[in-house]
N, C-alpha and C. Protein backbone atom coordinates (compact mmCIF):
# COMPACT_ATOMS: atom_id res chain seq x y z
N MET A 1 -101.53 0.71 56.98
CA MET A 1 -100.36 0.73 57.84
C MET A 1 -100.21 1.21 59.28
N ASN A 2 -100.05 0.83 60.05
CA ASN A 2 -99.58 1.69 61.48
C ASN A 2 -98.43 2.38 61.31
N PRO A 3 -98.73 3.47 62.04
CA PRO A 3 -98.22 4.95 61.89
C PRO A 3 -96.66 4.91 61.91
N ASP A 4 -96.51 4.26 62.75
CA ASP A 4 -95.04 3.85 63.80
C ASP A 4 -94.15 3.11 62.48
N ILE A 5 -94.67 2.09 62.01
CA ILE A 5 -94.08 1.34 60.68
C ILE A 5 -93.98 2.07 59.51
N ARG A 6 -94.94 2.68 59.33
CA ARG A 6 -94.71 3.14 58.11
C ARG A 6 -93.87 4.65 58.12
N ALA A 7 -93.55 5.15 59.68
CA ALA A 7 -92.25 6.28 59.58
C ALA A 7 -91.44 5.33 59.40
N ARG A 8 -90.58 4.23 60.08
CA ARG A 8 -89.72 3.58 60.13
C ARG A 8 -89.53 3.05 58.29
N ALA A 9 -90.63 2.24 57.66
CA ALA A 9 -90.33 1.99 56.49
C ALA A 9 -90.17 2.85 55.68
N ALA A 10 -90.19 4.21 55.72
CA ALA A 10 -89.71 5.75 55.02
C ALA A 10 -88.57 6.28 55.19
N ARG A 11 -87.77 5.98 55.97
CA ARG A 11 -86.88 6.31 56.56
C ARG A 11 -85.49 5.26 55.45
N VAL A 12 -86.20 4.21 55.41
CA VAL A 12 -85.29 3.17 55.09
C VAL A 12 -84.79 3.53 53.48
N LYS A 13 -83.41 3.19 53.50
CA LYS A 13 -82.47 3.54 52.63
C LYS A 13 -81.65 2.14 52.19
N LEU A 14 -81.84 1.12 53.12
CA LEU A 14 -81.00 -0.17 52.62
C LEU A 14 -81.57 -1.16 53.33
N LEU A 15 -82.37 -2.28 52.89
CA LEU A 15 -83.00 -3.15 52.80
C LEU A 15 -81.87 -4.28 53.22
N LEU A 16 -81.29 -4.72 54.46
CA LEU A 16 -80.53 -6.24 54.40
C LEU A 16 -80.87 -7.11 55.07
N MET A 17 -80.94 -8.04 54.31
CA MET A 17 -81.80 -9.52 54.98
C MET A 17 -80.94 -10.77 55.24
N ASP A 18 -80.81 -12.00 56.19
CA ASP A 18 -80.72 -13.11 55.85
C ASP A 18 -81.01 -14.06 54.34
N VAL A 19 -80.42 -15.11 54.45
CA VAL A 19 -80.87 -15.89 53.29
C VAL A 19 -81.36 -16.87 53.78
N ASP A 20 -81.19 -17.79 54.30
CA ASP A 20 -81.63 -19.32 54.80
C ASP A 20 -82.83 -19.01 55.84
N GLY A 21 -84.28 -19.27 55.62
CA GLY A 21 -85.81 -18.63 56.21
C GLY A 21 -85.90 -17.78 55.60
N VAL A 22 -85.18 -16.48 55.14
CA VAL A 22 -85.96 -15.23 54.78
C VAL A 22 -86.31 -15.42 52.91
N LEU A 23 -84.79 -15.37 52.77
CA LEU A 23 -85.01 -15.48 50.76
C LEU A 23 -85.38 -16.79 50.15
N THR A 24 -85.39 -17.52 51.41
CA THR A 24 -85.50 -19.16 50.82
C THR A 24 -86.23 -19.39 51.91
N ASP A 25 -87.00 -20.82 52.08
CA ASP A 25 -87.75 -21.36 52.89
C ASP A 25 -86.84 -22.25 54.09
N GLY A 26 -85.40 -21.81 54.18
CA GLY A 26 -85.00 -22.59 54.83
C GLY A 26 -84.60 -23.87 54.77
N HIS A 27 -84.80 -24.36 53.51
CA HIS A 27 -84.66 -25.77 53.16
C HIS A 27 -83.38 -25.91 52.45
N LEU A 28 -82.31 -26.95 52.96
CA LEU A 28 -81.23 -26.71 51.77
C LEU A 28 -81.36 -27.89 50.94
N ILE A 29 -80.81 -27.90 49.72
CA ILE A 29 -81.27 -28.91 48.80
C ILE A 29 -79.67 -29.20 48.30
N ASN A 30 -79.04 -30.53 48.09
CA ASN A 30 -77.97 -31.08 47.78
C ASN A 30 -78.05 -32.08 46.76
N VAL A 31 -77.54 -31.73 45.34
CA VAL A 31 -78.30 -32.66 44.30
C VAL A 31 -76.09 -32.61 43.76
N PRO A 32 -76.38 -34.34 43.32
CA PRO A 32 -74.73 -34.68 42.89
C PRO A 32 -74.41 -33.75 41.25
N GLY A 33 -73.57 -33.73 41.53
CA GLY A 33 -72.92 -33.24 40.15
C GLY A 33 -72.32 -33.72 38.99
N PRO A 34 -71.62 -33.82 38.23
CA PRO A 34 -71.35 -34.98 37.07
C PRO A 34 -69.99 -35.44 37.83
N ASP A 35 -69.36 -34.69 38.62
CA ASP A 35 -68.01 -35.66 39.42
C ASP A 35 -68.54 -36.47 40.35
N GLY A 36 -69.84 -36.84 40.89
CA GLY A 36 -70.31 -37.31 42.02
C GLY A 36 -70.38 -36.82 43.44
N LYS A 37 -70.05 -35.29 43.24
CA LYS A 37 -69.68 -34.70 44.25
C LYS A 37 -71.26 -34.35 44.62
N MET A 38 -71.76 -33.73 45.90
CA MET A 38 -72.72 -33.30 46.18
C MET A 38 -72.67 -31.53 46.68
N TYR A 39 -73.86 -30.88 45.66
CA TYR A 39 -73.86 -29.36 45.52
C TYR A 39 -75.20 -29.06 46.19
N GLU A 40 -74.98 -27.70 47.20
CA GLU A 40 -75.94 -27.16 47.49
C GLU A 40 -76.55 -26.31 46.69
N THR A 41 -77.62 -26.34 46.21
CA THR A 41 -78.60 -25.38 45.66
C THR A 41 -79.85 -24.91 46.70
N LYS A 42 -80.49 -23.81 46.08
CA LYS A 42 -81.65 -23.30 47.07
C LYS A 42 -82.81 -23.06 45.99
N MET A 43 -83.81 -22.91 46.85
CA MET A 43 -84.88 -22.54 46.01
C MET A 43 -85.58 -20.67 46.34
N PHE A 44 -85.71 -19.95 45.49
CA PHE A 44 -85.66 -18.78 45.44
C PHE A 44 -87.35 -18.34 45.28
N ASP A 45 -88.02 -17.18 45.33
CA ASP A 45 -89.06 -16.68 45.06
C ASP A 45 -89.10 -15.99 43.89
N SER A 46 -89.78 -16.31 43.02
CA SER A 46 -89.70 -15.24 41.68
C SER A 46 -90.42 -13.72 42.21
N GLN A 47 -91.34 -13.79 42.72
CA GLN A 47 -92.04 -12.47 43.44
C GLN A 47 -91.32 -11.74 44.52
N ASP A 48 -90.04 -12.39 45.02
CA ASP A 48 -89.27 -11.82 45.93
C ASP A 48 -88.50 -11.19 45.23
N GLY A 49 -87.92 -12.23 43.99
CA GLY A 49 -86.88 -11.42 42.98
C GLY A 49 -86.63 -10.26 42.32
N ILE A 50 -88.44 -10.36 41.27
CA ILE A 50 -88.51 -8.66 41.13
C ILE A 50 -89.12 -7.72 41.79
N SER A 51 -89.70 -7.71 43.25
CA SER A 51 -89.44 -7.14 44.25
C SER A 51 -87.98 -6.00 44.76
N LEU A 52 -87.28 -7.05 44.63
CA LEU A 52 -85.96 -6.56 44.90
C LEU A 52 -85.43 -5.70 43.81
N GLN A 53 -85.58 -6.12 42.84
CA GLN A 53 -85.75 -5.37 41.42
C GLN A 53 -86.11 -3.85 41.61
N TRP A 54 -87.42 -3.92 42.05
CA TRP A 54 -88.23 -2.63 41.97
C TRP A 54 -87.56 -1.74 43.34
N LEU A 55 -87.00 -2.16 43.92
CA LEU A 55 -86.49 -1.69 45.08
C LEU A 55 -85.17 -0.70 44.66
N SER A 56 -84.33 -1.72 43.59
CA SER A 56 -82.98 -0.79 43.17
C SER A 56 -83.58 0.18 42.20
N TRP A 57 -84.72 -0.15 41.39
CA TRP A 57 -85.05 1.13 40.83
C TRP A 57 -85.34 2.26 41.48
N HIS A 58 -85.71 2.28 42.61
CA HIS A 58 -86.49 3.37 43.31
C HIS A 58 -85.48 3.80 43.99
N GLY A 59 -83.94 3.75 44.38
CA GLY A 59 -82.97 4.15 45.09
C GLY A 59 -82.64 3.57 46.21
N ILE A 60 -83.44 2.46 46.47
CA ILE A 60 -83.30 1.55 47.92
C ILE A 60 -82.45 0.44 47.95
N GLU A 61 -81.60 0.58 48.41
CA GLU A 61 -80.26 -0.79 48.12
C GLU A 61 -80.94 -1.92 48.96
N THR A 62 -80.12 -2.83 48.32
CA THR A 62 -80.65 -4.27 49.44
C THR A 62 -79.33 -4.94 49.30
N GLY A 63 -78.88 -6.10 50.61
CA GLY A 63 -78.42 -6.84 50.22
C GLY A 63 -78.21 -8.26 51.60
N VAL A 64 -77.31 -9.00 51.74
CA VAL A 64 -77.68 -9.95 52.06
C VAL A 64 -76.40 -10.48 53.54
N ILE A 65 -76.66 -10.80 54.28
CA ILE A 65 -75.53 -11.31 55.12
C ILE A 65 -76.13 -12.42 55.82
N SER A 66 -75.14 -13.78 54.98
CA SER A 66 -75.70 -14.95 55.56
C SER A 66 -74.30 -15.76 55.89
N GLY A 67 -75.02 -16.52 57.10
CA GLY A 67 -74.09 -17.50 57.65
C GLY A 67 -72.95 -18.42 56.66
N ARG A 68 -73.83 -18.92 55.76
CA ARG A 68 -73.29 -19.97 54.39
C ARG A 68 -73.02 -19.06 53.54
N VAL A 69 -72.04 -20.07 52.41
CA VAL A 69 -71.64 -19.69 51.48
C VAL A 69 -71.90 -20.48 50.56
N SER A 70 -72.76 -20.14 49.43
CA SER A 70 -73.51 -20.60 48.46
C SER A 70 -73.14 -20.22 47.24
N PRO A 71 -73.09 -20.78 46.01
CA PRO A 71 -73.14 -19.99 44.68
C PRO A 71 -74.14 -19.72 44.50
N ALA A 72 -75.29 -20.30 44.65
CA ALA A 72 -76.80 -20.11 44.47
C ALA A 72 -77.09 -18.58 44.91
N THR A 73 -76.40 -18.65 46.15
CA THR A 73 -77.24 -17.16 46.83
C THR A 73 -76.30 -16.18 46.05
N GLU A 74 -75.24 -16.22 45.78
CA GLU A 74 -73.91 -15.17 45.02
C GLU A 74 -74.90 -15.00 43.71
N THR A 75 -75.20 -15.65 42.74
CA THR A 75 -76.03 -15.74 41.82
C THR A 75 -77.48 -15.39 41.94
N ARG A 76 -78.16 -15.46 42.76
CA ARG A 76 -79.64 -14.74 42.69
C ARG A 76 -79.40 -13.40 43.56
N ALA A 77 -78.06 -12.82 44.05
CA ALA A 77 -77.90 -11.70 44.61
C ALA A 77 -77.73 -10.93 43.69
N ARG A 78 -77.20 -11.49 42.44
CA ARG A 78 -76.72 -10.59 41.48
C ARG A 78 -77.92 -10.27 40.54
N GLN A 79 -78.66 -11.34 39.90
CA GLN A 79 -79.73 -11.23 39.56
C GLN A 79 -80.52 -10.40 39.81
N VAL A 80 -80.83 -10.23 41.24
CA VAL A 80 -82.03 -9.10 41.86
C VAL A 80 -80.93 -7.89 42.09
N ASN A 81 -80.19 -7.56 41.33
CA ASN A 81 -79.32 -6.07 41.54
C ASN A 81 -78.83 -5.78 42.91
N MET A 82 -78.54 -6.46 44.06
CA MET A 82 -78.10 -6.92 45.22
C MET A 82 -76.99 -5.46 45.45
N THR A 83 -76.83 -4.89 46.14
CA THR A 83 -75.40 -3.76 46.20
C THR A 83 -74.54 -4.64 47.68
N TYR A 84 -74.77 -5.30 48.31
CA TYR A 84 -73.67 -5.88 49.61
C TYR A 84 -74.51 -7.45 49.60
N ILE A 85 -73.33 -8.40 49.21
CA ILE A 85 -73.59 -9.77 49.40
C ILE A 85 -72.05 -10.00 50.40
N TYR A 86 -72.75 -10.84 51.53
CA TYR A 86 -71.47 -11.11 52.44
C TYR A 86 -72.35 -12.57 52.96
N GLN A 87 -71.38 -13.61 52.57
CA GLN A 87 -71.41 -15.01 53.04
C GLN A 87 -70.47 -15.77 53.76
N GLY A 88 -70.99 -16.43 54.55
CA GLY A 88 -70.03 -17.26 55.27
C GLY A 88 -69.94 -16.18 56.74
N HIS A 89 -70.68 -15.81 57.09
CA HIS A 89 -70.53 -14.87 58.53
C HIS A 89 -71.23 -15.07 59.33
N ILE A 90 -71.34 -15.91 60.53
CA ILE A 90 -72.52 -16.06 61.52
C ILE A 90 -72.50 -14.77 62.43
N GLU A 91 -71.16 -14.55 62.34
CA GLU A 91 -71.03 -13.19 63.59
C GLU A 91 -71.73 -11.73 62.51
N LYS A 92 -72.98 -11.20 62.20
CA LYS A 92 -72.87 -10.28 61.65
C LYS A 92 -72.53 -8.76 62.02
N ILE A 93 -72.51 -8.45 63.32
CA ILE A 93 -72.16 -7.31 63.68
C ILE A 93 -70.91 -6.25 62.90
N PRO A 94 -69.74 -7.41 62.71
CA PRO A 94 -68.60 -6.65 61.86
C PRO A 94 -69.19 -6.47 60.59
N ILE A 95 -70.15 -6.96 59.87
CA ILE A 95 -70.36 -6.83 58.50
C ILE A 95 -71.59 -5.75 58.61
N LEU A 96 -72.55 -5.63 59.32
CA LEU A 96 -72.99 -4.70 59.30
C LEU A 96 -72.27 -3.30 59.47
N GLU A 97 -71.79 -3.22 60.76
CA GLU A 97 -70.56 -1.89 60.70
C GLU A 97 -69.75 -1.62 59.54
N GLU A 98 -69.01 -2.74 58.52
CA GLU A 98 -68.79 -2.19 57.34
C GLU A 98 -69.58 -1.97 56.31
N ILE A 99 -70.84 -2.22 56.30
CA ILE A 99 -71.69 -2.19 55.59
C ILE A 99 -72.14 -0.77 55.53
N ARG A 100 -72.66 -0.02 57.14
CA ARG A 100 -72.67 1.36 57.15
C ARG A 100 -71.88 2.09 56.75
N GLN A 101 -70.20 1.88 56.92
CA GLN A 101 -69.18 2.63 56.59
C GLN A 101 -68.99 2.56 55.21
N LYS A 102 -69.10 1.82 54.43
CA LYS A 102 -69.19 1.87 53.31
C LYS A 102 -69.94 2.76 52.53
N SER A 103 -71.46 2.37 52.72
CA SER A 103 -72.68 3.03 52.17
C SER A 103 -73.45 4.20 52.55
N ALA A 104 -72.10 4.88 54.19
CA ALA A 104 -72.70 5.77 54.48
C ALA A 104 -73.91 6.09 54.95
N ILE A 105 -74.63 5.00 55.24
CA ILE A 105 -76.46 5.16 55.73
C ILE A 105 -76.13 4.64 56.90
N ALA A 106 -77.09 5.94 57.68
CA ALA A 106 -77.19 5.31 59.28
C ALA A 106 -78.22 4.46 59.84
N LEU A 107 -77.41 3.56 60.76
CA LEU A 107 -78.75 2.93 61.26
C LEU A 107 -79.95 3.06 61.57
N GLU A 108 -80.52 4.13 61.74
CA GLU A 108 -81.72 4.03 61.57
C GLU A 108 -82.75 3.93 60.24
N GLU A 109 -81.48 3.96 58.78
CA GLU A 109 -81.84 4.20 57.66
C GLU A 109 -81.95 2.72 57.11
N ILE A 110 -81.91 1.76 57.97
CA ILE A 110 -81.31 0.39 57.49
C ILE A 110 -82.37 -0.30 58.04
N ALA A 111 -83.23 -1.26 57.48
CA ALA A 111 -84.44 -2.46 57.48
C ALA A 111 -83.43 -3.63 57.51
N TYR A 112 -83.69 -4.76 58.14
CA TYR A 112 -83.02 -6.00 58.44
C TYR A 112 -84.10 -6.80 58.77
N ALA A 113 -83.93 -8.02 57.99
CA ALA A 113 -85.25 -9.14 57.84
C ALA A 113 -84.35 -10.34 58.19
N GLY A 114 -85.08 -11.03 59.36
CA GLY A 114 -84.29 -12.39 59.58
C GLY A 114 -85.21 -13.32 60.26
N ASP A 115 -84.64 -14.54 60.22
CA ASP A 115 -85.60 -15.87 61.31
C ASP A 115 -85.31 -16.15 62.14
N ASP A 116 -83.61 -16.05 62.72
CA ASP A 116 -83.03 -17.07 63.74
C ASP A 116 -82.06 -15.92 64.69
N LEU A 117 -81.88 -16.39 65.45
CA LEU A 117 -80.92 -16.07 66.51
C LEU A 117 -80.14 -15.31 66.18
N THR A 118 -79.00 -15.85 65.04
CA THR A 118 -77.67 -15.03 64.77
C THR A 118 -78.44 -13.70 64.08
N ASP A 119 -79.49 -13.81 63.64
CA ASP A 119 -80.13 -12.18 63.42
C ASP A 119 -80.61 -11.32 64.15
N LEU A 120 -80.77 -11.21 65.45
CA LEU A 120 -81.27 -10.67 66.97
C LEU A 120 -80.09 -9.39 66.93
N VAL A 121 -78.90 -9.60 66.77
CA VAL A 121 -77.98 -8.93 67.02
C VAL A 121 -77.92 -7.87 66.03
N VAL A 122 -78.28 -8.00 64.63
CA VAL A 122 -78.28 -7.01 63.84
C VAL A 122 -80.00 -6.55 63.89
N MET A 123 -80.91 -7.00 64.26
CA MET A 123 -82.18 -6.78 64.47
C MET A 123 -82.15 -5.75 65.19
N ARG A 124 -81.38 -5.78 66.49
CA ARG A 124 -81.37 -4.65 68.03
C ARG A 124 -80.50 -3.50 67.63
N ARG A 125 -80.18 -3.18 66.65
CA ARG A 125 -79.61 -2.40 66.17
C ARG A 125 -79.80 -1.28 64.97
N VAL A 126 -80.51 -1.70 64.25
CA VAL A 126 -80.99 -1.30 62.89
C VAL A 126 -82.16 -0.34 63.28
N GLY A 127 -83.03 0.73 61.99
CA GLY A 127 -84.00 1.62 62.66
C GLY A 127 -85.32 0.27 62.27
N PHE A 128 -85.23 -0.50 61.18
CA PHE A 128 -86.02 -1.07 61.13
C PHE A 128 -86.40 -2.64 61.19
N ALA A 129 -86.68 -3.46 62.18
CA ALA A 129 -86.05 -4.88 62.37
C ALA A 129 -87.33 -5.34 62.33
N ILE A 130 -87.65 -6.58 60.93
CA ILE A 130 -88.52 -7.44 60.66
C ILE A 130 -88.28 -8.55 60.60
N ALA A 131 -89.35 -9.58 61.44
CA ALA A 131 -89.10 -10.83 61.52
C ALA A 131 -90.13 -11.43 60.41
N VAL A 132 -89.64 -12.35 59.72
CA VAL A 132 -90.65 -13.46 58.73
C VAL A 132 -91.34 -14.37 59.63
N ALA A 133 -92.65 -14.47 58.96
CA ALA A 133 -93.38 -15.42 59.75
C ALA A 133 -93.11 -16.56 60.51
N ASN A 134 -91.94 -17.36 59.32
CA ASN A 134 -91.35 -18.70 60.14
C ASN A 134 -90.41 -18.13 60.87
N ALA A 135 -90.16 -17.40 61.32
CA ALA A 135 -89.06 -16.73 62.34
C ALA A 135 -89.24 -17.35 63.98
N ARG A 136 -88.21 -17.65 64.34
CA ARG A 136 -88.11 -18.18 65.86
C ARG A 136 -88.73 -16.95 66.65
N GLU A 137 -89.37 -17.35 67.76
CA GLU A 137 -90.31 -16.66 68.28
C GLU A 137 -89.60 -15.39 69.16
N GLU A 138 -88.10 -15.79 69.63
CA GLU A 138 -87.45 -14.62 70.03
C GLU A 138 -86.98 -13.70 69.16
N VAL A 139 -87.11 -14.26 68.09
CA VAL A 139 -86.87 -12.78 66.86
C VAL A 139 -88.11 -12.38 66.58
N LYS A 140 -89.34 -12.79 66.66
CA LYS A 140 -90.64 -12.09 66.58
C LYS A 140 -90.87 -11.33 67.44
N ARG A 141 -90.31 -11.34 68.74
CA ARG A 141 -90.56 -10.34 69.67
C ARG A 141 -89.90 -9.20 69.91
N ALA A 142 -88.40 -9.53 69.08
CA ALA A 142 -87.63 -8.26 68.60
C ALA A 142 -87.67 -7.31 67.59
N ALA A 143 -88.70 -7.85 66.72
CA ALA A 143 -89.12 -7.34 65.18
C ALA A 143 -90.12 -6.10 65.71
N HIS A 144 -89.57 -4.95 64.69
CA HIS A 144 -91.13 -4.10 64.94
C HIS A 144 -92.06 -4.22 64.03
N TYR A 145 -92.32 -5.65 62.81
CA TYR A 145 -93.12 -6.03 62.15
C TYR A 145 -92.49 -7.38 61.83
N VAL A 146 -93.41 -8.22 62.15
CA VAL A 146 -93.93 -9.84 61.56
C VAL A 146 -94.33 -9.67 59.96
N THR A 147 -93.94 -10.28 59.12
CA THR A 147 -94.72 -10.28 58.16
C THR A 147 -95.71 -11.12 58.04
N SER A 148 -96.67 -11.34 57.09
CA SER A 148 -97.60 -12.78 56.93
C SER A 148 -97.11 -13.97 56.24
N ALA A 149 -96.55 -13.53 55.15
CA ALA A 149 -95.83 -14.58 54.43
C ALA A 149 -94.48 -15.14 55.24
N ARG A 150 -94.18 -16.28 54.91
CA ARG A 150 -93.53 -16.92 55.36
C ARG A 150 -91.65 -16.64 54.22
N GLY A 151 -90.75 -16.69 55.06
CA GLY A 151 -89.49 -16.61 53.97
C GLY A 151 -89.37 -17.88 52.65
N GLY A 152 -88.93 -17.43 52.11
CA GLY A 152 -89.43 -18.13 50.36
C GLY A 152 -90.45 -18.51 50.04
N SER A 153 -91.29 -17.59 50.59
CA SER A 153 -92.91 -17.84 49.97
C SER A 153 -93.48 -16.18 49.80
N GLY A 154 -92.84 -15.13 49.58
CA GLY A 154 -93.21 -14.08 49.62
C GLY A 154 -93.12 -12.70 50.59
N ALA A 155 -92.15 -13.49 51.70
CA ALA A 155 -91.88 -12.39 52.64
C ALA A 155 -91.08 -11.09 52.23
N VAL A 156 -89.91 -11.46 51.32
CA VAL A 156 -89.44 -10.41 50.94
C VAL A 156 -90.40 -9.45 50.11
N ARG A 157 -90.97 -9.59 49.30
CA ARG A 157 -92.32 -9.45 48.48
C ARG A 157 -92.96 -8.75 48.99
N GLU A 158 -93.43 -8.96 50.28
CA GLU A 158 -94.56 -8.22 51.32
C GLU A 158 -93.65 -6.83 51.83
N ILE A 159 -92.18 -7.24 52.20
CA ILE A 159 -91.25 -6.12 52.83
C ILE A 159 -91.01 -5.12 52.08
N ALA A 160 -91.04 -5.47 50.73
CA ALA A 160 -91.04 -4.61 49.33
C ALA A 160 -91.70 -3.90 48.87
N GLU A 161 -93.06 -4.17 48.86
CA GLU A 161 -94.28 -3.51 48.77
C GLU A 161 -94.32 -2.46 49.84
N MET A 162 -94.24 -3.03 50.81
CA MET A 162 -94.27 -1.98 52.12
C MET A 162 -93.08 -0.78 52.16
N LEU A 163 -92.29 -1.05 52.02
CA LEU A 163 -90.84 -0.21 51.22
C LEU A 163 -91.39 0.69 50.19
N LEU A 164 -92.23 0.44 49.22
CA LEU A 164 -92.13 1.25 48.08
C LEU A 164 -93.26 2.24 48.60
N GLU A 165 -94.59 1.21 49.00
CA GLU A 165 -95.70 2.28 49.72
C GLU A 165 -95.28 3.29 50.36
N ALA A 166 -94.02 3.27 51.72
CA ALA A 166 -94.18 4.06 52.58
C ALA A 166 -93.25 5.27 51.88
N HIS A 167 -92.46 5.01 50.80
CA HIS A 167 -91.86 5.84 50.07
C HIS A 167 -92.40 6.36 48.94
N GLY A 168 -94.04 6.00 48.89
CA GLY A 168 -94.22 6.67 47.85
C GLY A 168 -94.74 6.47 46.51
N LYS A 169 -93.83 5.26 46.03
CA LYS A 169 -93.25 4.95 45.07
C LYS A 169 -93.87 3.50 44.65
N TRP A 170 -95.19 2.88 45.64
CA TRP A 170 -96.20 1.91 44.90
C TRP A 170 -96.60 2.14 43.87
N GLN A 171 -97.60 3.11 43.78
CA GLN A 171 -98.16 3.61 42.85
C GLN A 171 -97.71 3.51 41.58
N ASP A 172 -95.98 4.03 41.46
CA ASP A 172 -95.54 4.02 40.10
C ASP A 172 -95.17 2.61 40.00
N ILE A 173 -95.45 1.98 40.63
CA ILE A 173 -94.88 0.23 40.10
C ILE A 173 -96.71 -0.30 39.17
N LEU A 174 -97.68 0.32 40.51
CA LEU A 174 -98.81 -0.55 39.66
C LEU A 174 -99.28 0.17 38.53
N LYS A 175 -98.90 1.28 38.67
CA LYS A 175 -98.94 2.26 36.67
C LYS A 175 -98.19 1.82 35.38
N LYS A 176 -97.13 1.36 35.98
CA LYS A 176 -96.18 1.02 34.53
C LYS A 176 -96.59 -0.39 34.58
N TYR A 177 -97.22 -1.21 35.70
CA TYR A 177 -97.58 -2.41 34.83
C TYR A 177 -99.13 -2.49 34.67
N GLU A 178 -99.94 -1.28 34.53
CA GLU A 178 -101.11 -1.25 34.22
C GLU A 178 -102.06 -2.16 35.24
N ALA A 179 -101.43 -1.93 36.27
CA ALA A 179 -102.25 -2.60 37.81
C ALA A 179 -103.24 -1.65 38.58
N GLY A 180 -103.12 -0.79 38.43
CA GLY A 180 -103.53 0.34 38.97
C GLY A 180 -105.48 0.46 39.15
N GLU A 181 -106.26 0.84 39.91
CA GLU A 181 -107.60 0.84 39.65
C GLU A 181 -107.90 1.76 38.73
N ALA A 182 -107.33 3.03 38.37
CA ALA A 182 -108.18 3.58 37.36
C ALA A 182 -107.48 3.28 35.82
N LEU A 183 -106.66 2.02 35.93
CA LEU A 183 -106.15 1.89 34.29
C LEU A 183 -106.90 0.49 34.34
N ARG A 184 -107.38 -0.30 35.17
CA ARG A 184 -108.35 -1.24 34.12
C ARG A 184 -109.18 -1.10 33.24
N PRO A 185 -109.77 -1.46 32.07
CA PRO A 185 -110.82 -1.71 31.25
C PRO A 185 -112.03 -1.50 32.08
N PRO A 186 -113.27 -0.75 31.83
CA PRO A 186 -114.25 -0.89 32.13
C PRO A 186 -115.13 -2.52 31.92
N ALA A 187 -115.67 -2.96 33.14
CA ALA A 187 -116.19 -4.20 32.90
C ALA A 187 -117.34 -4.58 31.24
N PRO A 188 -117.27 -5.51 30.61
CA PRO A 188 -118.45 -5.61 30.01
C PRO A 188 -119.56 -5.18 30.31
N GLU A 189 -120.83 -4.89 29.63
CA GLU A 189 -122.19 -4.97 30.15
C GLU A 189 -123.08 -6.00 29.55
């Protein structure tokens, strides 16, 4: 890992992110309810989800700042132990400031993952700005790091693993799940 990226990742105490295009692939799914009204739902990646729980286990808080309001987002955020859930906020700077004040975490210790123009203003203020692979080019240019995975398809998992590695916790996860090199049984002869 690039030394500058590792240093930024090692300082992170809070990972904030957009939802549509970061936690999801950006597609919005409208399904009819029993009352005939259309309801919006979203698809989330299960590996992103477990990695967000690992972050919470190791003291790295997480949260979302989304321009859209969605019960699916609320449910998913609670499932993965997010600390901060803000929806319906296209103007994200006041929310960033509110979270910073509530958490007492310095901007240099906050990472933000985004994909669109509304995320740029937050990315320019935090210590570790991350763009997902499917982000707008303007967002990628402003990022310290661009994921190889697309939003909704492992980008958050990639970020979480990087943060855990930089904090010296990734080997603990591998050991817990008996996934480390030393924990593999010998190959049969």
